[in-house]
Structures are given as C-alpha cells and as structure tokens.
N, C-alpha and C. Protein backbone atom coordinates (compact mmCIF):
# COMPACT_ATOMS: atom_id res chain seq x y z
N MET A 1 62.09 -26.50 -0.86
CA MET A 1 60.65 -26.36 -0.64
C MET A 1 59.89 -27.43 -1.43
N GLY A 2 60.34 -27.63 -2.68
CA GLY A 2 59.69 -28.64 -3.51
C GLY A 2 59.86 -30.02 -2.93
N ARG A 3 61.04 -30.30 -2.32
CA ARG A 3 61.28 -31.61 -1.74
C ARG A 3 60.35 -31.85 -0.55
N VAL A 4 60.14 -30.79 0.26
CA VAL A 4 59.24 -30.91 1.42
C VAL A 4 57.82 -31.16 0.95
N ARG A 5 57.41 -30.43 -0.09
CA ARG A 5 56.05 -30.61 -0.61
C ARG A 5 55.88 -32.02 -1.16
N LYS A 6 56.89 -32.52 -1.83
CA LYS A 6 56.80 -33.85 -2.39
C LYS A 6 56.72 -34.90 -1.28
N THR A 7 57.48 -34.67 -0.19
CA THR A 7 57.45 -35.62 0.93
C THR A 7 56.08 -35.65 1.60
N LEU A 8 55.50 -34.47 1.77
CA LEU A 8 54.20 -34.38 2.45
C LEU A 8 53.05 -34.96 1.62
N THR A 9 53.26 -35.07 0.32
CA THR A 9 52.19 -35.61 -0.53
C THR A 9 52.32 -37.11 -0.75
N ARG A 10 53.32 -37.73 -0.15
CA ARG A 10 53.45 -39.19 -0.28
C ARG A 10 52.31 -39.87 0.49
N PRO A 11 51.77 -40.98 -0.03
CA PRO A 11 50.65 -41.67 0.62
C PRO A 11 50.92 -42.07 2.06
N ALA A 12 52.13 -42.56 2.34
CA ALA A 12 52.44 -42.99 3.71
C ALA A 12 52.41 -41.83 4.68
N VAL A 13 52.96 -40.69 4.24
CA VAL A 13 52.98 -39.52 5.11
C VAL A 13 51.57 -39.01 5.35
N ILE A 14 50.76 -39.00 4.30
CA ILE A 14 49.36 -38.56 4.43
C ILE A 14 48.61 -39.46 5.42
N ALA A 15 48.86 -40.77 5.31
CA ALA A 15 48.20 -41.70 6.22
C ALA A 15 48.60 -41.45 7.67
N VAL A 16 49.88 -41.18 7.90
CA VAL A 16 50.35 -40.90 9.26
C VAL A 16 49.72 -39.63 9.80
N LEU A 17 49.62 -38.59 8.96
CA LEU A 17 49.01 -37.33 9.38
C LEU A 17 47.53 -37.51 9.72
N VAL A 18 46.83 -38.29 8.91
CA VAL A 18 45.41 -38.55 9.17
C VAL A 18 45.22 -39.26 10.50
N VAL A 19 46.08 -40.29 10.73
CA VAL A 19 45.98 -41.03 11.99
C VAL A 19 46.30 -40.12 13.18
N ALA A 20 47.32 -39.27 13.04
CA ALA A 20 47.71 -38.37 14.13
C ALA A 20 46.60 -37.38 14.45
N ILE A 21 46.00 -36.79 13.42
CA ILE A 21 44.92 -35.82 13.64
C ILE A 21 43.70 -36.51 14.24
N GLY A 22 43.40 -37.73 13.72
CA GLY A 22 42.28 -38.48 14.29
C GLY A 22 42.50 -38.84 15.74
N GLY A 23 43.73 -39.25 16.07
CA GLY A 23 44.05 -39.59 17.45
C GLY A 23 43.96 -38.39 18.37
N MET A 24 44.39 -37.23 17.88
CA MET A 24 44.31 -36.02 18.68
C MET A 24 42.85 -35.65 18.94
N GLY A 25 42.01 -35.79 17.89
CA GLY A 25 40.59 -35.48 18.05
C GLY A 25 39.92 -36.42 19.04
N PHE A 26 40.25 -37.70 18.97
CA PHE A 26 39.68 -38.68 19.89
C PHE A 26 40.13 -38.40 21.32
N GLY A 27 41.41 -38.04 21.48
CA GLY A 27 41.93 -37.74 22.82
C GLY A 27 41.23 -36.55 23.44
N LEU A 28 40.98 -35.52 22.63
CA LEU A 28 40.27 -34.34 23.15
C LEU A 28 38.84 -34.70 23.55
N TYR A 29 38.18 -35.53 22.73
CA TYR A 29 36.81 -35.95 23.05
C TYR A 29 36.80 -36.80 24.32
N TRP A 30 37.77 -37.71 24.45
CA TRP A 30 37.76 -38.67 25.55
C TRP A 30 38.08 -38.00 26.89
N PHE A 31 39.09 -37.13 26.90
CA PHE A 31 39.53 -36.51 28.15
C PHE A 31 38.80 -35.19 28.45
N GLN A 32 38.34 -34.50 27.41
CA GLN A 32 37.63 -33.23 27.56
C GLN A 32 38.33 -32.30 28.57
N PRO A 33 39.59 -31.97 28.32
CA PRO A 33 40.36 -31.19 29.31
C PRO A 33 39.79 -29.80 29.57
N TRP A 34 39.04 -29.24 28.62
CA TRP A 34 38.50 -27.90 28.80
C TRP A 34 37.51 -27.83 29.96
N LYS A 35 36.92 -28.99 30.33
CA LYS A 35 35.95 -28.98 31.43
C LYS A 35 36.57 -28.60 32.76
N LEU A 36 37.89 -28.78 32.89
CA LEU A 36 38.55 -28.41 34.13
C LEU A 36 38.46 -26.91 34.39
N TRP A 37 38.20 -26.13 33.35
CA TRP A 37 38.07 -24.68 33.50
C TRP A 37 36.64 -24.21 33.29
N GLN A 38 35.69 -25.13 33.21
CA GLN A 38 34.28 -24.78 33.02
C GLN A 38 33.48 -25.27 34.22
N ASP A 39 32.90 -24.33 34.97
CA ASP A 39 32.07 -24.70 36.11
C ASP A 39 30.60 -24.69 35.72
N GLU A 40 29.85 -25.64 36.25
CA GLU A 40 28.40 -25.70 36.06
C GLU A 40 27.77 -25.66 37.44
N THR A 41 27.05 -24.58 37.73
CA THR A 41 26.44 -24.39 39.04
C THR A 41 24.94 -24.68 38.98
N VAL A 42 24.47 -25.50 39.90
CA VAL A 42 23.05 -25.86 39.99
C VAL A 42 22.60 -25.62 41.43
N ASP A 43 21.52 -24.85 41.62
CA ASP A 43 20.98 -24.59 42.95
C ASP A 43 19.51 -24.97 42.97
N GLU A 44 19.20 -26.12 43.57
CA GLU A 44 17.84 -26.62 43.66
C GLU A 44 17.37 -26.59 45.11
N ALA A 45 16.09 -26.29 45.31
CA ALA A 45 15.50 -26.35 46.64
C ALA A 45 15.13 -27.79 46.95
N LEU A 46 15.08 -28.11 48.23
CA LEU A 46 14.66 -29.45 48.64
C LEU A 46 13.18 -29.61 48.36
N PRO A 47 12.79 -30.63 47.60
CA PRO A 47 11.36 -30.81 47.27
C PRO A 47 10.62 -31.53 48.38
N GLY A 48 9.28 -31.56 48.25
CA GLY A 48 8.51 -32.49 49.07
C GLY A 48 7.84 -31.95 50.29
N VAL A 49 7.77 -30.60 50.48
CA VAL A 49 7.02 -30.09 51.62
C VAL A 49 5.56 -30.04 51.23
N VAL A 50 4.72 -30.79 51.97
CA VAL A 50 3.31 -30.93 51.63
C VAL A 50 2.46 -30.32 52.74
N GLU A 51 1.49 -29.48 52.36
CA GLU A 51 0.58 -28.90 53.34
C GLU A 51 -0.72 -29.66 53.33
N ALA A 52 -1.17 -30.06 54.53
CA ALA A 52 -2.43 -30.78 54.65
C ALA A 52 -3.32 -30.04 55.63
N SER A 53 -4.46 -29.52 55.17
CA SER A 53 -5.36 -28.77 56.04
C SER A 53 -6.05 -29.69 57.02
N VAL A 54 -6.14 -29.25 58.27
CA VAL A 54 -6.84 -30.02 59.31
C VAL A 54 -8.27 -29.52 59.38
N PRO A 55 -9.27 -30.37 59.17
CA PRO A 55 -10.66 -29.91 59.22
C PRO A 55 -11.00 -29.36 60.60
N ALA A 56 -11.74 -28.24 60.62
CA ALA A 56 -12.09 -27.60 61.88
C ALA A 56 -12.96 -28.49 62.73
N ALA A 57 -13.89 -29.25 62.10
CA ALA A 57 -14.80 -30.12 62.85
C ALA A 57 -14.04 -31.20 63.59
N ALA A 58 -12.94 -31.67 62.98
CA ALA A 58 -12.15 -32.70 63.63
C ALA A 58 -11.26 -32.13 64.71
N ALA A 59 -10.94 -30.84 64.59
CA ALA A 59 -10.01 -30.23 65.52
C ALA A 59 -10.68 -29.78 66.81
N ARG A 60 -12.00 -29.42 66.76
CA ARG A 60 -12.67 -28.95 67.97
C ARG A 60 -14.15 -29.22 67.87
N PRO A 61 -14.86 -29.26 68.97
CA PRO A 61 -16.30 -29.51 68.91
C PRO A 61 -17.03 -28.38 68.23
N SER A 62 -18.22 -28.71 67.70
CA SER A 62 -18.99 -27.71 66.98
C SER A 62 -19.46 -26.61 67.91
N GLU A 63 -19.53 -25.40 67.39
CA GLU A 63 -19.96 -24.24 68.15
C GLU A 63 -21.12 -23.60 67.42
N PRO A 64 -21.96 -22.85 68.14
CA PRO A 64 -23.05 -22.14 67.45
C PRO A 64 -22.49 -21.20 66.41
N SER A 65 -23.11 -21.20 65.28
CA SER A 65 -22.63 -20.35 64.20
C SER A 65 -23.02 -18.91 64.47
N GLU A 66 -22.16 -17.98 64.05
CA GLU A 66 -22.43 -16.57 64.19
C GLU A 66 -23.05 -16.04 62.91
N PRO A 67 -23.81 -14.99 63.02
CA PRO A 67 -24.34 -14.37 61.80
C PRO A 67 -23.22 -13.95 60.88
N ALA A 68 -23.54 -13.96 59.60
CA ALA A 68 -22.53 -13.60 58.60
C ALA A 68 -22.01 -12.21 58.82
N SER A 69 -22.87 -11.33 59.42
CA SER A 69 -22.45 -9.95 59.61
C SER A 69 -21.66 -9.76 60.89
N GLY A 70 -21.51 -10.83 61.69
CA GLY A 70 -20.82 -10.73 62.97
C GLY A 70 -19.33 -10.52 62.78
N PRO A 71 -18.65 -10.22 63.87
CA PRO A 71 -17.20 -9.96 63.79
C PRO A 71 -16.43 -11.22 63.41
N ALA A 72 -15.36 -11.04 62.69
CA ALA A 72 -14.54 -12.17 62.26
C ALA A 72 -13.81 -12.75 63.45
N LYS A 73 -13.75 -14.09 63.51
CA LYS A 73 -13.05 -14.77 64.60
C LYS A 73 -11.55 -14.77 64.32
N PRO A 74 -10.76 -14.67 65.36
CA PRO A 74 -9.31 -14.82 65.15
C PRO A 74 -9.00 -16.23 64.70
N SER A 75 -7.95 -16.36 63.94
CA SER A 75 -7.60 -17.68 63.41
C SER A 75 -7.28 -18.63 64.55
N ASP A 76 -7.76 -19.87 64.41
CA ASP A 76 -7.56 -20.91 65.41
C ASP A 76 -6.36 -21.76 64.98
N PRO A 77 -5.37 -21.97 65.87
CA PRO A 77 -4.21 -22.79 65.49
C PRO A 77 -4.61 -24.17 65.00
N ALA A 78 -5.75 -24.69 65.51
CA ALA A 78 -6.18 -26.03 65.09
C ALA A 78 -6.62 -26.06 63.64
N GLU A 79 -6.93 -24.88 63.08
CA GLU A 79 -7.38 -24.82 61.69
C GLU A 79 -6.25 -24.50 60.73
N GLN A 80 -5.05 -24.25 61.26
CA GLN A 80 -3.91 -23.95 60.40
C GLN A 80 -3.44 -25.21 59.68
N PRO A 81 -2.88 -25.06 58.47
CA PRO A 81 -2.40 -26.24 57.74
C PRO A 81 -1.27 -26.95 58.47
N ALA A 82 -1.31 -28.26 58.46
CA ALA A 82 -0.22 -29.06 59.03
C ALA A 82 0.80 -29.31 57.93
N VAL A 83 2.07 -29.10 58.25
CA VAL A 83 3.13 -29.23 57.25
C VAL A 83 3.87 -30.55 57.45
N ALA A 84 3.87 -31.38 56.41
CA ALA A 84 4.62 -32.64 56.45
C ALA A 84 6.02 -32.36 55.89
N ALA A 85 7.00 -32.31 56.78
CA ALA A 85 8.36 -31.92 56.37
C ALA A 85 9.19 -33.13 55.99
N PRO A 86 10.15 -32.95 55.07
CA PRO A 86 11.08 -34.04 54.76
C PRO A 86 11.90 -34.42 55.99
N GLN A 87 12.32 -35.67 56.05
CA GLN A 87 13.08 -36.18 57.20
C GLN A 87 14.45 -36.66 56.73
N THR A 88 15.51 -36.12 57.34
CA THR A 88 16.87 -36.54 57.01
C THR A 88 17.17 -37.86 57.72
N LEU A 89 17.54 -38.87 56.93
CA LEU A 89 17.82 -40.20 57.48
C LEU A 89 19.31 -40.42 57.73
N ALA A 90 20.16 -39.80 56.89
CA ALA A 90 21.61 -39.98 57.01
C ALA A 90 22.31 -38.81 56.33
N GLY A 91 23.56 -38.61 56.67
CA GLY A 91 24.31 -37.53 56.05
C GLY A 91 25.81 -37.69 56.26
N GLY A 92 26.56 -36.83 55.60
CA GLY A 92 28.01 -36.88 55.73
C GLY A 92 28.69 -35.76 54.99
N GLU A 93 30.00 -35.62 55.22
CA GLU A 93 30.83 -34.60 54.58
C GLU A 93 31.64 -35.21 53.45
N LEU A 94 31.66 -34.54 52.32
CA LEU A 94 32.46 -35.00 51.19
C LEU A 94 33.94 -34.76 51.44
N ILE A 95 34.77 -35.75 51.09
CA ILE A 95 36.22 -35.60 51.15
C ILE A 95 36.79 -35.76 49.74
N SER A 96 38.00 -35.29 49.56
CA SER A 96 38.64 -35.32 48.24
C SER A 96 39.24 -36.68 47.93
N HIS A 97 39.12 -37.10 46.68
CA HIS A 97 39.81 -38.27 46.17
C HIS A 97 40.71 -37.82 45.01
N GLU A 98 40.31 -38.06 43.77
CA GLU A 98 41.15 -37.69 42.65
C GLU A 98 41.19 -36.18 42.43
N HIS A 99 40.10 -35.48 42.82
CA HIS A 99 40.03 -34.02 42.68
C HIS A 99 39.55 -33.41 44.00
N ALA A 100 39.98 -32.18 44.27
CA ALA A 100 39.55 -31.48 45.48
C ALA A 100 38.02 -31.37 45.48
N THR A 101 37.40 -31.88 46.54
CA THR A 101 35.94 -31.95 46.63
C THR A 101 35.50 -31.61 48.04
N SER A 102 34.44 -30.81 48.15
CA SER A 102 33.88 -30.47 49.46
C SER A 102 32.37 -30.31 49.34
N GLY A 103 31.69 -30.25 50.49
CA GLY A 103 30.24 -30.14 50.53
C GLY A 103 29.66 -31.21 51.44
N THR A 104 28.35 -31.26 51.52
CA THR A 104 27.68 -32.24 52.36
C THR A 104 26.67 -33.03 51.54
N VAL A 105 26.36 -34.24 52.03
CA VAL A 105 25.32 -35.06 51.40
C VAL A 105 24.28 -35.41 52.44
N LYS A 106 23.03 -35.51 52.02
CA LYS A 106 21.93 -35.89 52.90
C LYS A 106 21.05 -36.90 52.19
N LEU A 107 20.66 -37.93 52.90
CA LEU A 107 19.67 -38.88 52.42
C LEU A 107 18.35 -38.52 53.08
N VAL A 108 17.37 -38.12 52.27
CA VAL A 108 16.14 -37.52 52.80
C VAL A 108 14.93 -38.33 52.36
N ARG A 109 14.02 -38.59 53.32
CA ARG A 109 12.74 -39.19 52.98
C ARG A 109 11.69 -38.09 52.89
N LEU A 110 11.01 -38.02 51.75
CA LEU A 110 10.01 -36.99 51.53
C LEU A 110 8.66 -37.41 52.12
N ALA A 111 7.73 -36.46 52.16
CA ALA A 111 6.43 -36.72 52.77
C ALA A 111 5.66 -37.83 52.06
N ASP A 112 5.90 -38.02 50.77
CA ASP A 112 5.18 -39.05 50.03
C ASP A 112 5.85 -40.42 50.13
N GLY A 113 6.92 -40.53 50.94
CA GLY A 113 7.60 -41.81 51.13
C GLY A 113 8.76 -42.05 50.19
N SER A 114 8.94 -41.21 49.19
CA SER A 114 10.08 -41.37 48.28
C SER A 114 11.35 -40.84 48.94
N HIS A 115 12.50 -41.17 48.36
CA HIS A 115 13.79 -40.76 48.92
C HIS A 115 14.59 -39.98 47.88
N VAL A 116 15.30 -38.96 48.36
CA VAL A 116 16.21 -38.22 47.51
C VAL A 116 17.58 -38.14 48.18
N LEU A 117 18.60 -38.14 47.36
CA LEU A 117 19.93 -37.83 47.84
C LEU A 117 20.19 -36.37 47.50
N ARG A 118 20.56 -35.60 48.50
CA ARG A 118 20.77 -34.17 48.30
C ARG A 118 22.24 -33.82 48.51
N LEU A 119 22.82 -33.13 47.54
CA LEU A 119 24.16 -32.58 47.65
C LEU A 119 24.03 -31.10 47.96
N GLU A 120 24.69 -30.64 49.01
CA GLU A 120 24.60 -29.24 49.40
C GLU A 120 25.98 -28.60 49.39
N SER A 121 26.04 -27.39 48.82
CA SER A 121 27.30 -26.63 48.74
C SER A 121 28.42 -27.45 48.11
N LEU A 122 28.07 -28.25 47.10
CA LEU A 122 29.08 -29.06 46.41
C LEU A 122 30.08 -28.18 45.70
N ASP A 123 31.34 -28.56 45.80
CA ASP A 123 32.41 -27.87 45.06
C ASP A 123 33.44 -28.92 44.67
N THR A 124 33.45 -29.27 43.38
CA THR A 124 34.41 -30.24 42.87
C THR A 124 34.81 -29.82 41.47
N SER A 125 35.69 -30.58 40.85
CA SER A 125 36.10 -30.28 39.48
C SER A 125 35.06 -30.80 38.50
N ASN A 126 34.96 -30.16 37.36
CA ASN A 126 34.14 -30.68 36.28
C ASN A 126 34.94 -31.78 35.56
N GLY A 127 34.25 -32.61 34.83
CA GLY A 127 34.94 -33.69 34.13
C GLY A 127 34.00 -34.47 33.26
N PRO A 128 34.53 -35.40 32.46
CA PRO A 128 33.69 -36.18 31.56
C PRO A 128 32.94 -37.30 32.27
N ASP A 129 31.66 -37.43 31.96
CA ASP A 129 30.84 -38.56 32.40
C ASP A 129 30.84 -38.73 33.92
N LEU A 130 30.57 -37.64 34.64
CA LEU A 130 30.48 -37.70 36.10
C LEU A 130 29.10 -38.18 36.52
N ARG A 131 29.05 -39.07 37.49
CA ARG A 131 27.81 -39.65 37.99
C ARG A 131 27.74 -39.50 39.51
N VAL A 132 26.53 -39.64 40.03
CA VAL A 132 26.34 -39.68 41.49
C VAL A 132 25.99 -41.11 41.85
N TRP A 133 26.84 -41.72 42.68
CA TRP A 133 26.67 -43.12 43.04
C TRP A 133 26.36 -43.28 44.53
N LEU A 134 25.43 -44.19 44.82
CA LEU A 134 25.27 -44.75 46.16
C LEU A 134 26.04 -46.06 46.18
N THR A 135 26.85 -46.31 47.20
CA THR A 135 27.65 -47.53 47.24
C THR A 135 27.62 -48.16 48.63
N ASP A 136 28.05 -49.42 48.69
CA ASP A 136 28.14 -50.10 49.98
C ASP A 136 29.57 -50.07 50.54
N ALA A 137 30.45 -49.31 49.88
CA ALA A 137 31.84 -49.22 50.34
C ALA A 137 31.97 -48.18 51.45
N HIS A 138 33.01 -48.33 52.27
CA HIS A 138 33.30 -47.35 53.31
C HIS A 138 34.33 -46.35 52.78
N VAL A 139 34.22 -45.13 53.23
CA VAL A 139 35.10 -44.05 52.76
C VAL A 139 36.27 -43.91 53.73
N THR A 140 37.48 -43.96 53.18
CA THR A 140 38.68 -43.84 54.00
C THR A 140 39.47 -42.62 53.55
N LYS A 141 39.80 -41.75 54.49
CA LYS A 141 40.59 -40.56 54.15
C LYS A 141 41.98 -40.97 53.71
N GLY A 142 42.48 -40.24 52.72
CA GLY A 142 43.82 -40.49 52.23
C GLY A 142 43.93 -41.64 51.26
N LYS A 143 42.82 -42.33 51.02
CA LYS A 143 42.86 -43.45 50.08
C LYS A 143 42.54 -42.97 48.68
N ALA A 144 43.25 -43.48 47.69
CA ALA A 144 43.01 -43.07 46.31
C ALA A 144 41.61 -43.49 45.87
N GLY A 145 41.08 -42.76 44.87
CA GLY A 145 39.72 -43.04 44.42
C GLY A 145 39.62 -43.97 43.24
N TRP A 146 40.74 -44.56 42.82
CA TRP A 146 40.72 -45.45 41.66
C TRP A 146 40.11 -46.80 42.02
N ARG A 147 39.09 -47.20 41.26
CA ARG A 147 38.50 -48.55 41.35
C ARG A 147 38.18 -48.96 42.79
N VAL A 148 37.61 -48.03 43.55
CA VAL A 148 37.25 -48.34 44.93
C VAL A 148 35.76 -48.68 45.04
N PHE A 149 34.93 -47.82 44.51
CA PHE A 149 33.50 -47.93 44.76
C PHE A 149 32.77 -48.82 43.76
N ASP A 150 33.43 -49.21 42.69
CA ASP A 150 32.79 -50.09 41.72
C ASP A 150 33.08 -51.57 41.99
N ASP A 151 33.79 -51.88 43.06
CA ASP A 151 34.09 -53.28 43.37
C ASP A 151 32.91 -53.98 44.04
N GLY A 152 32.08 -53.21 44.74
CA GLY A 152 30.96 -53.81 45.46
C GLY A 152 29.63 -53.39 44.88
N LYS A 153 28.65 -53.29 45.76
CA LYS A 153 27.29 -52.93 45.35
C LYS A 153 27.19 -51.42 45.18
N HIS A 154 26.63 -50.99 44.07
CA HIS A 154 26.48 -49.56 43.83
C HIS A 154 25.30 -49.33 42.88
N VAL A 155 24.75 -48.13 42.95
CA VAL A 155 23.67 -47.75 42.05
C VAL A 155 23.90 -46.31 41.62
N SER A 156 23.75 -46.07 40.32
CA SER A 156 23.92 -44.73 39.79
C SER A 156 22.60 -43.98 39.86
N LEU A 157 22.65 -42.76 40.39
CA LEU A 157 21.45 -41.92 40.47
C LEU A 157 21.38 -40.94 39.31
N GLY A 158 22.29 -41.09 38.36
CA GLY A 158 22.27 -40.24 37.16
C GLY A 158 23.50 -39.37 37.05
N ARG A 159 23.54 -38.61 35.97
CA ARG A 159 24.67 -37.71 35.73
C ARG A 159 24.70 -36.59 36.76
N LEU A 160 25.89 -36.16 37.14
CA LEU A 160 26.04 -35.01 38.02
C LEU A 160 25.49 -33.78 37.31
N LYS A 161 24.55 -33.09 37.94
CA LYS A 161 23.90 -31.95 37.29
C LYS A 161 24.83 -30.75 37.19
N GLY A 162 25.70 -30.59 38.15
CA GLY A 162 26.65 -29.48 38.14
C GLY A 162 27.75 -29.75 39.15
N ASN A 163 28.94 -29.25 38.88
CA ASN A 163 30.05 -29.50 39.80
C ASN A 163 30.06 -28.53 40.98
N LYS A 164 29.11 -27.59 40.99
CA LYS A 164 28.97 -26.67 42.12
C LYS A 164 27.50 -26.49 42.44
N GLY A 165 27.21 -26.20 43.73
CA GLY A 165 25.85 -25.87 44.12
C GLY A 165 25.16 -26.98 44.90
N SER A 166 23.83 -26.85 45.03
CA SER A 166 23.00 -27.80 45.76
C SER A 166 22.01 -28.43 44.81
N GLN A 167 21.84 -29.74 44.90
CA GLN A 167 21.04 -30.46 43.91
C GLN A 167 20.48 -31.76 44.49
N ASN A 168 19.39 -32.23 43.88
CA ASN A 168 18.66 -33.40 44.38
C ASN A 168 18.68 -34.52 43.35
N TYR A 169 18.75 -35.77 43.86
CA TYR A 169 18.74 -36.96 43.00
C TYR A 169 17.75 -37.95 43.59
N LEU A 170 16.71 -38.26 42.83
CA LEU A 170 15.65 -39.16 43.29
C LEU A 170 16.13 -40.60 43.23
N LEU A 171 15.91 -41.34 44.33
CA LEU A 171 16.26 -42.76 44.34
C LEU A 171 15.16 -43.56 43.66
N PRO A 172 15.52 -44.55 42.84
CA PRO A 172 14.50 -45.44 42.27
C PRO A 172 13.71 -46.13 43.37
N LYS A 173 12.45 -46.45 43.09
CA LYS A 173 11.57 -47.04 44.11
C LYS A 173 12.07 -48.38 44.61
N ASP A 174 12.80 -49.11 43.77
CA ASP A 174 13.26 -50.44 44.19
C ASP A 174 14.60 -50.41 44.92
N VAL A 175 15.12 -49.22 45.21
CA VAL A 175 16.40 -49.10 45.91
C VAL A 175 16.15 -48.91 47.41
N ASP A 176 16.73 -49.78 48.23
CA ASP A 176 16.62 -49.67 49.68
C ASP A 176 17.79 -48.83 50.18
N PRO A 177 17.55 -47.59 50.63
CA PRO A 177 18.66 -46.72 51.02
C PRO A 177 19.48 -47.25 52.19
N SER A 178 18.89 -48.11 53.02
CA SER A 178 19.61 -48.65 54.17
C SER A 178 20.70 -49.63 53.75
N SER A 179 20.73 -50.03 52.49
CA SER A 179 21.72 -51.00 52.01
C SER A 179 23.03 -50.33 51.57
N TYR A 180 23.10 -48.99 51.67
CA TYR A 180 24.26 -48.28 51.15
C TYR A 180 24.91 -47.44 52.24
N ASN A 181 26.23 -47.34 52.17
CA ASN A 181 27.01 -46.68 53.22
C ASN A 181 27.63 -45.36 52.80
N SER A 182 27.68 -45.08 51.50
CA SER A 182 28.43 -43.92 51.07
C SER A 182 27.91 -43.37 49.74
N VAL A 183 28.41 -42.19 49.42
CA VAL A 183 28.09 -41.51 48.16
C VAL A 183 29.40 -41.14 47.48
N SER A 184 29.47 -41.33 46.18
CA SER A 184 30.67 -40.96 45.42
C SER A 184 30.30 -40.11 44.22
N ILE A 185 31.09 -39.08 43.98
CA ILE A 185 31.05 -38.36 42.70
C ILE A 185 31.99 -39.14 41.79
N TRP A 186 31.42 -39.95 40.92
CA TRP A 186 32.16 -40.99 40.21
C TRP A 186 32.34 -40.63 38.74
N CYS A 187 33.57 -40.71 38.26
CA CYS A 187 33.84 -40.53 36.84
C CYS A 187 33.77 -41.90 36.18
N ASP A 188 32.67 -42.13 35.47
CA ASP A 188 32.43 -43.45 34.89
C ASP A 188 33.38 -43.75 33.73
N ARG A 189 33.89 -42.73 33.10
CA ARG A 189 34.77 -42.95 31.95
C ARG A 189 36.12 -43.50 32.37
N PHE A 190 36.62 -43.05 33.53
CA PHE A 190 37.95 -43.47 33.97
C PHE A 190 37.92 -44.29 35.25
N ASP A 191 36.73 -44.67 35.71
CA ASP A 191 36.59 -45.51 36.90
C ASP A 191 37.34 -44.93 38.09
N VAL A 192 37.03 -43.69 38.44
CA VAL A 192 37.71 -43.04 39.55
C VAL A 192 36.72 -42.14 40.29
N SER A 193 36.90 -42.04 41.60
CA SER A 193 36.07 -41.17 42.43
C SER A 193 36.72 -39.80 42.55
N PHE A 194 35.95 -38.75 42.22
CA PHE A 194 36.45 -37.39 42.42
C PHE A 194 36.41 -37.03 43.91
N GLY A 195 35.37 -37.50 44.60
CA GLY A 195 35.20 -37.26 46.03
C GLY A 195 34.09 -38.15 46.55
N ALA A 196 34.04 -38.35 47.87
CA ALA A 196 33.04 -39.25 48.44
C ALA A 196 32.72 -38.85 49.86
N ALA A 197 31.58 -39.36 50.36
CA ALA A 197 31.15 -39.10 51.72
C ALA A 197 30.60 -40.36 52.36
N GLU A 198 30.99 -40.61 53.60
CA GLU A 198 30.40 -41.70 54.38
C GLU A 198 29.04 -41.25 54.90
N LEU A 199 28.03 -42.12 54.79
CA LEU A 199 26.69 -41.80 55.27
C LEU A 199 26.54 -42.26 56.71
N THR A 200 26.31 -41.32 57.61
CA THR A 200 26.09 -41.64 59.01
C THR A 200 24.60 -41.51 59.31
N ARG A 201 24.01 -42.56 59.87
CA ARG A 201 22.58 -42.55 60.16
C ARG A 201 22.23 -41.54 61.25
N VAL A 202 21.14 -40.84 61.06
CA VAL A 202 20.71 -39.82 62.02
C VAL A 202 19.84 -40.50 63.08
C-alpha cells in the first residue's frame, strides 16, 4: 500500500493524472454526449398576419345616415378587416444525414415583406453547436452529411432553438432567398449535417 501511495505522489505520475483528467473534461465539453438524451421542444406560431381595416367610404357610396336611435345595420362584408396572410415561396421535406431527422421546411414571405424560414414538426437529435443554414447545395438522399453544405454559398440563420417542434428563423434583410436551394440542420463544431431539405419553389 505504501509503495502504491509513493508511486502516485511522484511528480510525473501527478502530471499524467492532471493531463488525463483535463483531457476527459475537455472531451466532455467538446462532444457533450449527454445532449443525445436531452430533447428541447419549441413550438412557435407563424408570425406576420396583419389586419388592415377597409374604410367604409371607400368600399361603398355614401348613404343617408340613420338616427342614432334607429335599428343597428347588419355588418357589411366591405367593412370587415382585410387580412394580409403570409405567402409560402418554397418548401421541402427534411431527410436524415448524420442523425435521423424528419419534418418540413417552408420559406415564407410575411406581409411586411420580410422573410422567415419555418421548421415544422422537426424531429432530430440534439447536439453541440447546431445551426440552421440556408445553402446553395443540392440535397441528395443517401449521401453523407460531412463537409457537404459548407463548400459553397451558405448563410447561418442562428442557433437551432430546439431539436423538436415548430420554429421560425428570420432572414437578414440583405439575404436574397432565391439564391439558396436547401436548408441544413448543421453542426458547426464538427462540420456535419444532421439533416437537410431541398427547397422546391411553389
């Protein structure tokens, strides 16, 4: 027992133990394996439905006014609010790359002219440093996700909010959505796609 204690207290052995423990800690931080068993669910509604009231005078010619005490008029469809709905420009189905991935993606133009990328019913693995990318690459089934989408033109829309659910990602104003063909759930730490979808124009 004394010999073992003496061996463990030698400077070289202590240095090796420190390096081993440090390396183990760095490996856990870098790979974050516990995330494979931790799901983050995000459910967001599609933004951007704007109501604009149509003035009655513009909708129909003026009519004689009724006394305030007169019977109430039934609502006129011309006076109902007009709803400016978001418009889907492109969409596609997510396929699996490095991890099993499913769900749909939509490229949507909102009433104010801005664009959002919407992930619906997303189901993929959690992982370190996951991002949502728009890319100019084409998606091929059965092809590995390593170093595919970072070879060409791509733009990051930010960190993945959750590995499950429906969520929205606003495109920067200087990004032309027509310049991109696909969407990738991209692990920036290991340069690999968890899953991707080809964008088909509507």
